């Protein structure tokens, strides 16, 4: 009942915010013209630094205002973006990169290699692929303001894949001054060089974000494809309006008060499809993956048998049916590196066929569990995952665990999950999240299988020397067949230790007005190349 009341309250608040913003917008002529794009994102933006969090809302904000050295196209090929040209030395140890002409930050300063190097160093402390790249890097040296070198200690085959990483954490380039901010702290200002610039005076954290076209941005000449090619800002202004109430968002897009709803609610899709003015379409061709993540620093989840008990109690179909509902949009799959990728495997998978509650109870008894409280963080305003913790709580209670389901908005959860403190000081045991397949396609990119503990691990701080040896071997390997063998070994080990629990794959449709054109299929939600007819 407590969780239900919180959800009802969140809906009422979301309804009030949504209606209030729309009423205010109705008095502004600019809000309805063809120069302004009105967009409902999947959650409110509070953390504006995409380096300090893997949250997709911050990543998508990053793509609005920042740019990258490289980017992937729709074939997942890495292409130059801010880079004009590059070369690799014969000994495969030195990459030389030259930046494009005309790159300029939003404050008018030119983008230099000093900015690039500082940004990569900061990103490399936070991101898994970045950490691995820096561990192979001897130095990064500025040759001049437009050319720099990345010198390796030994040959490493994932340099360009790392610099062109499409999703969280993306190696966005910011000013040297902003990149001097510790990688655990939000930058004090949002100064990028991308196709849009953030209007700080209109920012309402968690409620509204406003962007304007960057008149100084010089796009590439190639056609846009995923994150690569020409980033053409075809509207003058973009407004992100948070609406946590799905009915409010649906009414607004049907009436033409908003243009794009990023994550249309599954139970409202039949109604949306009836509208002659709205198109329902999935723009994420690689799909998404649900995840349950446990905190290894918090007793009793520091005990592998407790984690294994939870693993054997859960059943993917329960989560997919509760959260998505329509089998057209989901798929049961135990592959940790994507269900339709070269590294797909069911090795070690549990929970894809049926739960084993008897085994779960036996493991829990063997663990010595004494009824300790288990705190599950449950987001009230992120419709795409809000049902997942509501499935986990009764399942774990059924095997004898003492569950404390704590409701909060998503951005509060994102901030709290970074806390390593004990539960009685604001810590946590379990949270649920979702990842794009592009984030998980190999053992280096997939944050869930890192074994680095507190020294660079993803929230939950899983630690294992053996899995790190396997990940290192994968990073060095160039033979695809041997890479697959190593990836399977990583997955098997990750299931044994219960580094995380895959909860199935799903596809998230968006709703857009039919007068909106140019929206790009992509692993992230991109708003360049979009125009209102």
Protein backbone atom coordinates (compact mmCIF):
# COMPACT_ATOMS: atom_id res chain seq x y z
CA UNK A 1 0.00 0.00 0.00
CA UNK A 2 2.81 2.39 0.81
CA UNK A 3 4.31 1.96 -2.67
CA UNK A 4 0.90 2.43 -4.30
CA UNK A 5 0.28 5.68 -2.41
CA UNK A 6 3.67 7.00 -3.49
CA UNK A 7 2.95 6.15 -7.11
CA UNK A 8 -0.43 7.86 -6.92
CA UNK A 9 1.16 10.95 -5.38
CA UNK A 10 3.84 11.00 -8.09
CA UNK A 11 1.14 10.83 -10.76
CA UNK A 12 -0.76 13.74 -9.24
CA UNK A 13 2.42 15.81 -9.00
CA UNK A 14 3.37 14.88 -12.58
CA UNK A 15 -0.12 15.81 -13.76
CA UNK A 16 0.12 19.20 -12.05
CA UNK A 17 3.57 19.93 -13.44
CA UNK A 18 2.60 18.81 -16.94
CA UNK A 19 -0.60 20.86 -17.04
CA UNK A 20 1.12 23.88 -15.49
CA UNK A 21 3.91 23.84 -18.04
CA UNK A 22 1.51 23.40 -20.91
CA UNK A 23 -0.69 26.22 -19.65
CA UNK A 24 2.35 28.49 -19.38
CA UNK A 25 3.53 27.45 -22.80
CA UNK A 26 0.16 28.36 -24.30
CA UNK A 27 0.90 32.01 -23.55
CA UNK A 28 4.18 31.89 -25.38
CA UNK A 29 3.89 32.18 -29.14
CA UNK A 30 7.32 30.64 -29.60
CA UNK A 31 6.17 27.37 -28.04
CA UNK A 32 3.87 26.47 -30.92
CA UNK A 33 5.78 27.58 -33.98
CA UNK A 34 7.82 25.40 -36.29
CA UNK A 35 11.06 26.56 -34.74
CA UNK A 36 10.40 24.94 -31.32
CA UNK A 37 10.47 21.20 -30.68
CA UNK A 38 8.69 20.06 -27.52
CA UNK A 39 9.89 16.74 -26.13
CA UNK A 40 8.89 14.58 -23.15
CA UNK A 41 11.99 12.64 -21.99
CA UNK A 42 11.85 9.42 -20.00
CA UNK A 43 12.71 11.22 -16.74
CA UNK A 44 13.57 14.62 -15.37
CA UNK A 45 17.11 15.91 -15.78
CA UNK A 46 18.90 16.81 -12.55
CA UNK A 47 22.44 15.49 -13.04
CA UNK A 48 23.75 17.45 -16.02
CA UNK A 49 27.20 15.86 -16.16
CA UNK A 50 27.16 12.69 -18.31
CA UNK A 51 30.59 11.63 -17.04
CA UNK A 52 29.58 11.12 -13.40
CA UNK A 53 26.54 8.93 -14.10
CA UNK A 54 25.48 6.24 -16.52
CA UNK A 55 21.86 7.50 -16.43
CA UNK A 56 20.50 7.74 -19.99
CA UNK A 57 18.80 11.07 -19.31
CA UNK A 58 22.23 12.61 -18.63
CA UNK A 59 23.72 10.82 -21.65
CA UNK A 60 20.98 12.17 -23.93
CA UNK A 61 21.54 15.66 -22.51
CA UNK A 62 25.24 15.18 -23.29
CA UNK A 63 24.49 14.48 -26.94
CA UNK A 64 22.54 17.73 -27.13
CA UNK A 65 25.42 19.98 -26.08
CA UNK A 66 28.70 18.05 -26.45
CA UNK A 67 30.51 16.41 -29.35
CA UNK A 68 32.80 13.38 -29.61
CA UNK A 69 36.06 12.55 -31.37
CA UNK A 70 34.54 9.49 -33.05
CA UNK A 71 31.03 8.08 -33.39
CA UNK A 72 29.34 4.91 -34.63
CA UNK A 73 27.06 4.67 -37.66
CA UNK A 74 24.08 2.35 -38.18
CA UNK A 75 26.45 -0.51 -39.01
CA UNK A 76 28.24 0.03 -35.66
CA UNK A 77 31.31 1.18 -37.59
CA UNK A 78 33.46 3.79 -35.83
CA UNK A 79 33.77 6.99 -37.87
CA UNK A 80 35.64 10.29 -37.26
CA UNK A 81 33.47 13.04 -35.79
CA UNK A 82 35.50 15.92 -34.28
CA UNK A 83 38.58 14.28 -35.77
CA UNK A 84 39.49 15.24 -39.34
CA UNK A 85 42.14 12.54 -39.85
CA UNK A 86 44.19 10.02 -37.89
CA UNK A 87 46.97 7.52 -38.42
CA UNK A 88 48.50 4.59 -36.56
CA UNK A 89 52.24 4.01 -36.46
CA UNK A 90 53.74 0.84 -37.93
CA UNK A 91 54.44 -0.59 -34.47
CA UNK A 92 50.77 -0.02 -33.57
CA UNK A 93 51.71 1.99 -30.50
CA UNK A 94 51.05 5.60 -31.53
CA UNK A 95 47.79 7.09 -32.76
CA UNK A 96 48.02 10.61 -34.17
CA UNK A 97 44.74 12.55 -34.32
CA UNK A 98 44.06 15.90 -36.01
CA UNK A 99 40.92 17.87 -35.18
CA UNK A 100 38.58 19.42 -37.74
CA UNK A 101 38.74 23.13 -38.51
CA UNK A 102 36.16 25.42 -36.97
CA UNK A 103 35.44 23.52 -33.75
CA UNK A 104 34.29 26.06 -31.17
CA UNK A 105 32.87 25.86 -27.65
CA UNK A 106 29.63 27.58 -26.71
CA UNK A 107 31.61 30.30 -24.90
CA UNK A 108 33.36 31.17 -28.17
CA UNK A 109 36.71 29.54 -27.37
CA UNK A 110 38.24 27.20 -29.96
CA UNK A 111 38.42 23.50 -29.16
CA UNK A 112 42.06 22.54 -28.64
CA UNK A 113 43.92 19.33 -27.97
CA UNK A 114 44.42 20.48 -24.38
CA UNK A 115 40.64 20.34 -23.94
CA UNK A 116 40.49 16.93 -25.62
CA UNK A 117 43.23 15.37 -23.50
CA UNK A 118 41.77 16.71 -20.25
CA UNK A 119 38.31 15.42 -21.21
CA UNK A 120 39.59 11.94 -22.08
CA UNK A 121 41.56 11.72 -18.86
CA UNK A 122 38.49 12.63 -16.82
CA UNK A 123 36.22 10.24 -18.75
CA UNK A 124 38.81 7.48 -18.44
CA UNK A 125 38.57 7.57 -14.66
CA UNK A 126 34.80 7.01 -14.70
CA UNK A 127 34.02 4.71 -17.62
CA UNK A 128 34.85 1.01 -17.89
CA UNK A 129 36.14 1.15 -21.45
CA UNK A 130 37.93 4.38 -20.61
CA UNK A 131 39.61 2.81 -17.60
CA UNK A 132 40.79 -0.09 -19.70
CA UNK A 133 42.05 2.23 -22.46
CA UNK A 134 44.00 4.36 -20.00
CA UNK A 135 45.53 1.24 -18.44
CA UNK A 136 47.10 0.54 -21.86
CA UNK A 137 48.04 4.18 -22.47
CA UNK A 138 51.55 5.42 -21.82
CA UNK A 139 50.74 9.08 -22.47
CA UNK A 140 48.61 11.54 -24.41
CA UNK A 141 50.64 14.40 -25.85
CA UNK A 142 49.58 17.61 -27.59
CA UNK A 143 51.64 18.14 -30.76
CA UNK A 144 49.92 21.49 -31.32
CA UNK A 145 46.46 22.97 -30.75
CA UNK A 146 44.90 20.73 -33.41
CA UNK A 147 46.96 17.54 -33.27
CA UNK A 148 47.64 15.13 -30.40
CA UNK A 149 49.07 11.67 -29.95
CA UNK A 150 47.87 8.73 -27.87
CA UNK A 151 50.87 6.51 -27.13
CA UNK A 152 50.23 2.94 -25.95
CA UNK A 153 52.33 0.73 -23.69
CA UNK A 154 51.46 -2.23 -25.90
CA UNK A 155 49.14 -2.74 -28.90
CA UNK A 156 45.47 -2.45 -27.95
CA UNK A 157 42.70 -3.21 -30.41
CA UNK A 158 39.87 -1.22 -28.82
CA UNK A 159 41.24 2.33 -29.06
CA UNK A 160 38.77 3.62 -31.67
CA UNK A 161 35.90 1.57 -30.21
CA UNK A 162 36.56 3.28 -26.89
CA UNK A 163 36.78 6.81 -28.31
CA UNK A 164 33.60 6.15 -30.33
CA UNK A 165 31.68 4.51 -27.48
CA UNK A 166 28.04 5.31 -28.24
CA UNK A 167 26.47 5.06 -24.81
CA UNK A 168 27.07 5.54 -21.12
CA UNK A 169 29.61 6.80 -20.37
CA UNK A 170 30.26 8.61 -23.64
CA UNK A 171 33.68 10.31 -24.08
CA UNK A 172 32.22 13.78 -24.62
CA UNK A 173 34.65 16.65 -25.09
CA UNK A 174 34.32 19.63 -22.75
CA UNK A 175 36.57 22.58 -21.97
CA UNK A 176 39.85 21.97 -20.16
CA UNK A 177 38.55 24.03 -17.23
CA UNK A 178 35.41 21.91 -16.87
CA UNK A 179 37.39 18.69 -17.34
CA UNK A 180 39.53 19.69 -14.35
CA UNK A 181 36.49 18.95 -12.16
CA UNK A 182 36.91 15.64 -10.26
CA UNK A 183 35.14 12.85 -12.13
CA UNK A 184 32.89 12.26 -9.11
CA UNK A 185 31.55 15.84 -9.08
CA UNK A 186 29.16 17.57 -11.47
CA UNK A 187 30.87 20.17 -13.67
CA UNK A 188 30.02 23.75 -12.58
CA UNK A 189 28.92 24.76 -16.09
CA UNK A 190 27.66 23.00 -19.21
CA UNK A 191 30.02 24.24 -21.93
CA UNK A 192 30.14 21.99 -24.95
CA UNK A 193 30.74 22.39 -28.67
CA UNK A 194 27.74 20.42 -29.91
CA UNK A 195 24.79 21.36 -32.14
CA UNK A 196 22.71 22.80 -29.27
CA UNK A 197 23.57 24.86 -26.20
CA UNK A 198 21.79 24.71 -22.87
CA UNK A 199 19.94 27.83 -21.66
CA UNK A 200 20.86 27.84 -17.98
CA UNK A 201 18.45 30.65 -17.06
CA UNK A 202 15.48 28.46 -18.05
CA UNK A 203 16.69 25.23 -16.42
CA UNK A 204 14.28 23.79 -13.83
CA UNK A 205 15.97 20.64 -12.47
CA UNK A 206 13.75 17.62 -12.88
CA UNK A 207 11.07 19.68 -14.62
CA UNK A 208 12.26 21.51 -17.72
CA UNK A 209 15.39 21.93 -19.85
CA UNK A 210 15.71 24.36 -22.74
CA UNK A 211 18.24 24.26 -25.57
CA UNK A 212 18.90 26.62 -28.45
CA UNK A 213 20.56 25.98 -31.77
CA UNK A 214 24.31 26.61 -31.67
CA UNK A 215 24.94 29.06 -34.54
CA UNK A 216 28.68 28.36 -34.46
CA UNK A 217 28.41 24.60 -34.93
CA UNK A 218 29.95 23.32 -38.16
CA UNK A 219 28.49 19.87 -38.98
CA UNK A 220 30.30 17.23 -40.94
CA UNK A 221 29.37 16.86 -44.60
CA UNK A 222 28.35 13.19 -44.36
CA UNK A 223 24.71 12.21 -43.93
CA UNK A 224 23.75 11.53 -40.30
CA UNK A 225 23.72 7.89 -39.22
CA UNK A 226 23.29 6.91 -35.56
CA UNK A 227 25.70 9.22 -33.70
CA UNK A 228 27.91 9.87 -36.74
CA UNK A 229 27.83 12.26 -39.68
CA UNK A 230 26.33 15.73 -39.95
CA UNK A 231 24.56 16.93 -36.82
CA UNK A 232 22.13 19.45 -38.28
CA UNK A 233 20.05 21.42 -35.79
CA UNK A 234 16.88 22.03 -37.83
CA UNK A 235 14.89 23.78 -35.10
CA UNK A 236 15.89 26.89 -33.18
CA UNK A 237 14.73 25.74 -29.77
CA UNK A 238 14.16 22.42 -28.00
CA UNK A 239 12.18 22.15 -24.77
CA UNK A 240 12.37 19.04 -22.60
CA UNK A 241 9.20 18.89 -20.49
CA UNK A 242 9.00 16.26 -17.75
CA UNK A 243 5.64 14.50 -17.42
CA UNK A 244 5.69 11.60 -15.01
CA UNK A 245 1.98 10.93 -15.57
CA UNK A 246 1.59 8.83 -18.73
CA UNK A 247 -2.04 9.84 -19.36
CA UNK A 248 -1.05 13.52 -19.33
CA UNK A 249 1.73 12.87 -21.84
CA UNK A 250 -0.58 10.90 -24.11
CA UNK A 251 -3.25 13.61 -24.06
CA UNK A 252 -0.63 16.26 -24.78
CA UNK A 253 0.83 14.51 -27.83
CA UNK A 254 -2.60 13.65 -29.26
CA UNK A 255 -3.60 17.33 -28.96
CA UNK A 256 -0.34 18.53 -30.49
CA UNK A 257 0.86 20.26 -27.31
CA UNK A 258 4.06 18.20 -27.43
CA UNK A 259 5.87 16.75 -30.46
CA UNK A 260 7.72 13.67 -29.18
CA UNK A 261 7.16 11.34 -26.23
CA UNK A 262 10.35 9.37 -25.80
CA UNK A 263 9.00 6.35 -23.92
CA UNK A 264 5.32 5.84 -24.64
CA UNK A 265 3.55 3.81 -21.97
CA UNK A 266 2.85 0.26 -23.16
CA UNK A 267 -0.69 0.17 -21.79
CA UNK A 268 -1.56 3.33 -23.73
CA UNK A 269 -0.19 2.17 -27.09
CA UNK A 270 -3.58 0.96 -28.40
CA UNK A 271 -5.05 4.43 -27.79
CA UNK A 272 -2.06 6.19 -29.30
CA UNK A 273 -2.28 4.07 -32.44
CA UNK A 274 -5.86 5.27 -32.96
CA UNK A 275 -4.70 8.87 -33.41
CA UNK A 276 -4.39 9.89 -37.05
CA UNK A 277 -1.75 12.47 -36.08
CA UNK A 278 0.58 10.27 -34.00
CA UNK A 279 3.11 7.65 -35.11
CA UNK A 280 4.17 4.89 -32.69
CA UNK A 281 7.61 3.54 -33.56
CA UNK A 282 10.69 2.03 -31.90
CA UNK A 283 13.77 4.13 -32.71
CA UNK A 284 16.18 1.91 -30.74
CA UNK A 285 17.02 -0.93 -33.17
CA UNK A 286 19.45 -2.68 -30.83
CA UNK A 287 16.91 -3.08 -28.03
CA UNK A 288 17.17 -2.63 -24.28
CA UNK A 289 17.92 -4.95 -21.36
CA UNK A 290 16.55 -4.99 -17.80
CA UNK A 291 18.98 -5.56 -14.94
CA UNK A 292 18.80 -6.21 -11.20
CA UNK A 293 21.94 -4.96 -9.48
CA UNK A 294 22.96 -5.88 -5.93
CA UNK A 295 25.33 -4.06 -3.60
CA UNK A 296 28.27 -6.30 -2.67
CA UNK A 297 29.41 -3.88 0.02
CA UNK A 298 26.20 -4.32 2.05
CA UNK A 299 25.66 -7.37 4.26
CA UNK A 300 24.06 -9.79 3.68
CA UNK A 301 24.56 -9.32 -0.08
CA UNK A 302 28.30 -9.61 0.42
CA UNK A 303 27.52 -13.34 0.82
CA UNK A 304 27.47 -15.12 -2.55
CA UNK A 305 24.89 -17.67 -1.37
CA UNK A 306 22.42 -14.90 -0.57
CA UNK A 307 22.92 -13.50 -4.08
CA UNK A 308 22.53 -16.99 -5.57
CA UNK A 309 19.31 -17.45 -3.62
CA UNK A 310 17.94 -14.29 -5.21
CA UNK A 311 19.12 -15.42 -8.66
CA UNK A 312 17.24 -18.72 -8.40
CA UNK A 313 14.08 -17.04 -7.11
CA UNK A 314 13.54 -14.66 -10.02
CA UNK A 315 11.93 -15.45 -13.37
CA UNK A 316 12.36 -13.15 -16.39
CA UNK A 317 8.85 -13.69 -17.74
CA UNK A 318 7.36 -12.25 -14.52
CA UNK A 319 9.29 -9.00 -14.97
CA UNK A 320 8.66 -8.67 -18.69
CA UNK A 321 4.94 -9.36 -18.33
CA UNK A 322 4.59 -6.85 -15.49
CA UNK A 323 6.67 -4.07 -17.04
CA UNK A 324 5.98 -4.46 -20.76
CA UNK A 325 2.93 -6.72 -20.96
CA UNK A 326 2.84 -7.24 -24.72
CA UNK A 327 5.14 -10.08 -25.92
CA UNK A 328 5.52 -8.18 -29.19
CA UNK A 329 7.88 -5.85 -27.33
CA UNK A 330 9.91 -8.25 -25.16
CA UNK A 331 12.07 -11.36 -25.26
CA UNK A 332 13.26 -13.80 -22.58
CA UNK A 333 17.04 -14.08 -22.90
CA UNK A 334 19.91 -14.84 -20.52
CA UNK A 335 22.71 -13.42 -22.69
CA UNK A 336 24.69 -10.76 -20.85
CA UNK A 337 26.20 -9.28 -24.03
CA UNK A 338 22.99 -8.88 -25.98
CA UNK A 339 20.44 -11.28 -27.34
CA UNK A 340 21.22 -10.63 -31.02
CA UNK A 341 24.95 -9.97 -31.02
CA UNK A 342 28.03 -12.01 -32.01
CA UNK A 343 28.73 -12.69 -28.30
CA UNK A 344 25.28 -14.05 -27.49
CA UNK A 345 25.36 -17.07 -25.16
CA UNK A 346 23.08 -18.78 -22.62
CA UNK A 347 26.08 -20.11 -20.66
CA UNK A 348 25.32 -20.05 -16.94
CA UNK A 349 21.92 -18.41 -17.43
CA UNK A 350 19.34 -18.79 -14.66
CA UNK A 351 15.80 -17.44 -14.60
CA UNK A 352 14.96 -17.81 -18.27
CA UNK A 353 12.80 -20.94 -17.94
CA UNK A 354 11.28 -21.07 -14.45
CA UNK A 355 12.23 -20.07 -10.90
CA UNK A 356 13.51 -22.65 -8.42
CA UNK A 357 12.11 -21.40 -5.12
CA UNK A 358 13.10 -24.57 -3.26
CA UNK A 359 16.73 -24.10 -4.27
CA UNK A 360 16.51 -20.39 -3.43
CA UNK A 361 15.25 -21.14 0.09
CA UNK A 362 17.95 -23.81 0.56
CA UNK A 363 20.72 -21.41 -0.50
CA UNK A 364 19.33 -18.70 1.76
CA UNK A 365 19.32 -21.08 4.73
CA UNK A 366 22.88 -22.20 3.96
CA UNK A 367 24.00 -18.56 3.82
CA UNK A 368 23.15 -17.98 7.47
CA UNK A 369 20.70 -15.18 6.64
CA UNK A 370 19.10 -13.94 9.87
CA UNK A 371 16.30 -11.75 8.61
CA UNK A 372 18.35 -8.62 7.93
CA UNK A 373 16.43 -5.82 6.21
CA UNK A 374 16.98 -5.63 2.45
CA UNK A 375 16.49 -2.13 1.02
CA UNK A 376 15.17 -2.06 -2.55
CA UNK A 377 15.10 1.38 -4.19
CA UNK A 378 11.96 1.86 -6.32
CA UNK A 379 11.62 4.79 -8.76
CA UNK A 380 8.16 6.37 -8.90
CA UNK A 381 8.63 8.54 -11.99
CA UNK A 382 10.45 6.32 -14.49
CA UNK A 383 7.67 4.39 -16.19
CA UNK A 384 10.07 2.21 -18.17
CA UNK A 385 11.30 0.35 -15.04
CA UNK A 386 8.86 1.27 -12.28
CA UNK A 387 7.26 -2.19 -12.09
CA UNK A 388 10.54 -4.15 -11.73
CA UNK A 389 11.10 -3.57 -7.99
CA UNK A 390 7.40 -4.30 -7.40
CA UNK A 391 8.02 -7.78 -8.83
CA UNK A 392 11.23 -8.36 -6.88
CA UNK A 393 9.85 -7.42 -3.46
CA UNK A 394 7.15 -10.12 -3.13
CA UNK A 395 9.37 -12.75 -4.76
CA UNK A 396 12.10 -12.21 -2.18
CA UNK A 397 9.56 -12.11 0.63
CA UNK A 398 8.31 -15.50 -0.58
CA UNK A 399 11.71 -17.09 0.10
CA UNK A 400 11.92 -15.55 3.57
CA UNK A 401 13.70 -12.23 3.08
CA UNK A 402 12.83 -9.06 5.02
CA UNK A 403 12.18 -6.44 2.32
CA UNK A 404 12.03 -2.66 2.73
CA UNK A 405 10.77 -1.18 -0.56
CA UNK A 406 11.67 2.53 -0.58
CA UNK A 407 10.02 4.80 -3.17
CA UNK A 408 11.81 7.80 -4.67
CA UNK A 409 12.14 9.67 -7.96
CA UNK A 410 14.69 8.38 -10.45
CA UNK A 411 17.19 11.19 -10.09
CA UNK A 412 17.19 10.70 -6.30
CA UNK A 413 17.83 7.02 -6.90
CA UNK A 414 20.65 7.81 -9.32
CA UNK A 415 22.30 9.99 -6.69
CA UNK A 416 21.75 7.53 -3.85
CA UNK A 417 23.06 4.48 -5.70
CA UNK A 418 26.51 6.11 -5.69
CA UNK A 419 26.57 5.97 -1.87
CA UNK A 420 28.74 3.26 -0.34
CA UNK A 421 27.42 4.03 3.16
CA UNK A 422 25.64 1.47 5.37
CA UNK A 423 21.88 1.19 4.99
CA UNK A 424 21.21 3.10 8.20
CA UNK A 425 23.20 6.01 6.71
CA UNK A 426 21.43 6.16 3.37
CA UNK A 427 22.89 3.10 1.67
CA UNK A 428 20.99 0.46 -0.29
CA UNK A 429 20.93 -3.22 -1.29
CA UNK A 430 19.17 -3.54 -4.66
CA UNK A 431 18.14 -1.34 -7.57
CA UNK A 432 16.85 -2.09 -11.05
CA UNK A 433 17.84 -0.39 -14.25
CA UNK A 434 17.86 -0.78 -18.02
CA UNK A 435 20.70 -0.69 -20.51
CA UNK A 436 20.81 -0.37 -24.26
CA UNK A 437 22.40 -3.34 -25.97
CA UNK A 438 25.06 -0.94 -27.26
CA UNK A 439 26.18 -0.52 -23.64
CA UNK A 440 26.58 -4.25 -23.08
CA UNK A 441 27.89 -5.78 -26.30
CA UNK A 442 31.24 -7.00 -24.95
CA UNK A 443 33.01 -7.64 -21.61
CA UNK A 444 34.79 -4.27 -21.71
CA UNK A 445 31.72 -2.14 -22.38
CA UNK A 446 29.36 -4.02 -20.05
CA UNK A 447 29.59 -2.28 -16.67
CA UNK A 448 27.78 -5.13 -14.95
CA UNK A 449 30.69 -7.57 -15.34
CA UNK A 450 33.45 -5.32 -14.06
CA UNK A 451 35.35 -6.84 -11.14
CA UNK A 452 37.10 -3.68 -9.99
CA UNK A 453 35.27 -3.20 -6.69
CA UNK A 454 35.57 0.31 -5.28
CA UNK A 455 38.40 1.13 -7.69
CA UNK A 456 36.33 2.00 -10.72
CA UNK A 457 33.53 -0.53 -10.52
CA UNK A 458 29.89 0.17 -11.38
CA UNK A 459 27.45 0.88 -8.54
CA UNK A 460 27.23 -2.33 -6.53
CA UNK A 461 31.03 -2.55 -6.62
CA UNK A 462 31.48 -6.16 -7.70
CA UNK A 463 35.06 -7.34 -7.23
CA UNK A 464 36.77 -10.40 -8.69
CA UNK A 465 40.37 -10.82 -9.88
CA UNK A 466 39.55 -13.79 -12.10
CA UNK A 467 36.97 -11.94 -14.15
CA UNK A 468 39.36 -9.03 -14.57
CA UNK A 469 41.97 -11.43 -16.00
CA UNK A 470 39.39 -12.70 -18.47
CA UNK A 471 38.39 -9.15 -19.44
CA UNK A 472 42.05 -8.25 -19.96
CA UNK A 473 42.53 -11.28 -22.17
CA UNK A 474 39.48 -10.28 -24.20
CA UNK A 475 40.86 -6.75 -24.63
CA UNK A 476 44.13 -8.12 -26.03
CA UNK A 477 42.57 -10.76 -28.29
CA UNK A 478 41.97 -10.02 -31.98
CA UNK A 479 40.59 -13.41 -33.12
CA UNK A 480 36.74 -13.20 -33.03
CA UNK A 481 36.41 -16.91 -32.22
CA UNK A 482 38.74 -16.60 -29.23
CA UNK A 483 37.02 -13.39 -28.19
CA UNK A 484 33.73 -15.34 -28.11
CA UNK A 485 35.30 -18.05 -25.91
CA UNK A 486 36.54 -15.43 -23.46
CA UNK A 487 33.20 -13.63 -23.43
CA UNK A 488 31.42 -16.89 -22.62
CA UNK A 489 33.87 -17.49 -19.76
CA UNK A 490 33.19 -13.98 -18.43
CA UNK A 491 29.45 -14.57 -18.55
CA UNK A 492 29.73 -17.94 -16.80
CA UNK A 493 31.80 -16.41 -14.01
CA UNK A 494 29.44 -13.44 -13.70
CA UNK A 495 26.47 -15.78 -13.21
CA UNK A 496 28.37 -17.87 -10.67
CA UNK A 497 29.12 -14.80 -8.56
CA UNK A 498 25.78 -13.11 -9.42
CA UNK A 499 27.39 -9.86 -10.53
CA UNK A 500 23.96 -8.89 -11.83
CA UNK A 501 20.73 -10.59 -12.87
CA UNK A 502 19.53 -10.11 -16.47
CA UNK A 503 15.75 -9.64 -16.49
CA UNK A 504 15.12 -9.88 -20.22
CA UNK A 505 15.25 -7.82 -23.39
CA UNK A 506 12.64 -5.31 -24.49
CA UNK A 507 11.94 -2.72 -27.16
CA UNK A 508 10.68 0.72 -26.21
CA UNK A 509 8.40 2.48 -28.73
CA UNK A 510 8.19 6.26 -28.92
CA UNK A 511 5.26 8.42 -29.95
CA UNK A 512 5.83 11.30 -32.37
CA UNK A 513 3.55 13.71 -34.17
CA UNK A 514 3.38 12.89 -37.89
CA UNK A 515 4.57 16.37 -38.81
CA UNK A 516 7.93 15.56 -37.20
CA UNK A 517 10.56 14.31 -39.63
CA UNK A 518 14.17 13.20 -39.50
CA UNK A 519 14.27 11.38 -36.14
CA UNK A 520 17.24 9.01 -36.32
CA UNK A 521 17.19 5.37 -35.20
CA UNK A 522 20.00 5.17 -32.66
CA UNK A 523 21.18 3.56 -29.39
CA UNK A 524 20.54 7.00 -27.76
CA UNK A 525 17.68 9.44 -28.32
CA UNK A 526 19.03 12.14 -30.65
CA UNK A 527 17.27 15.37 -31.62
CA UNK A 528 19.50 16.76 -34.32
CA UNK A 529 18.27 16.30 -37.92
CA UNK A 530 14.69 16.69 -36.58
CA UNK A 531 12.30 19.25 -38.03
CA UNK A 532 8.64 20.25 -37.75
CA UNK A 533 6.70 20.44 -41.01
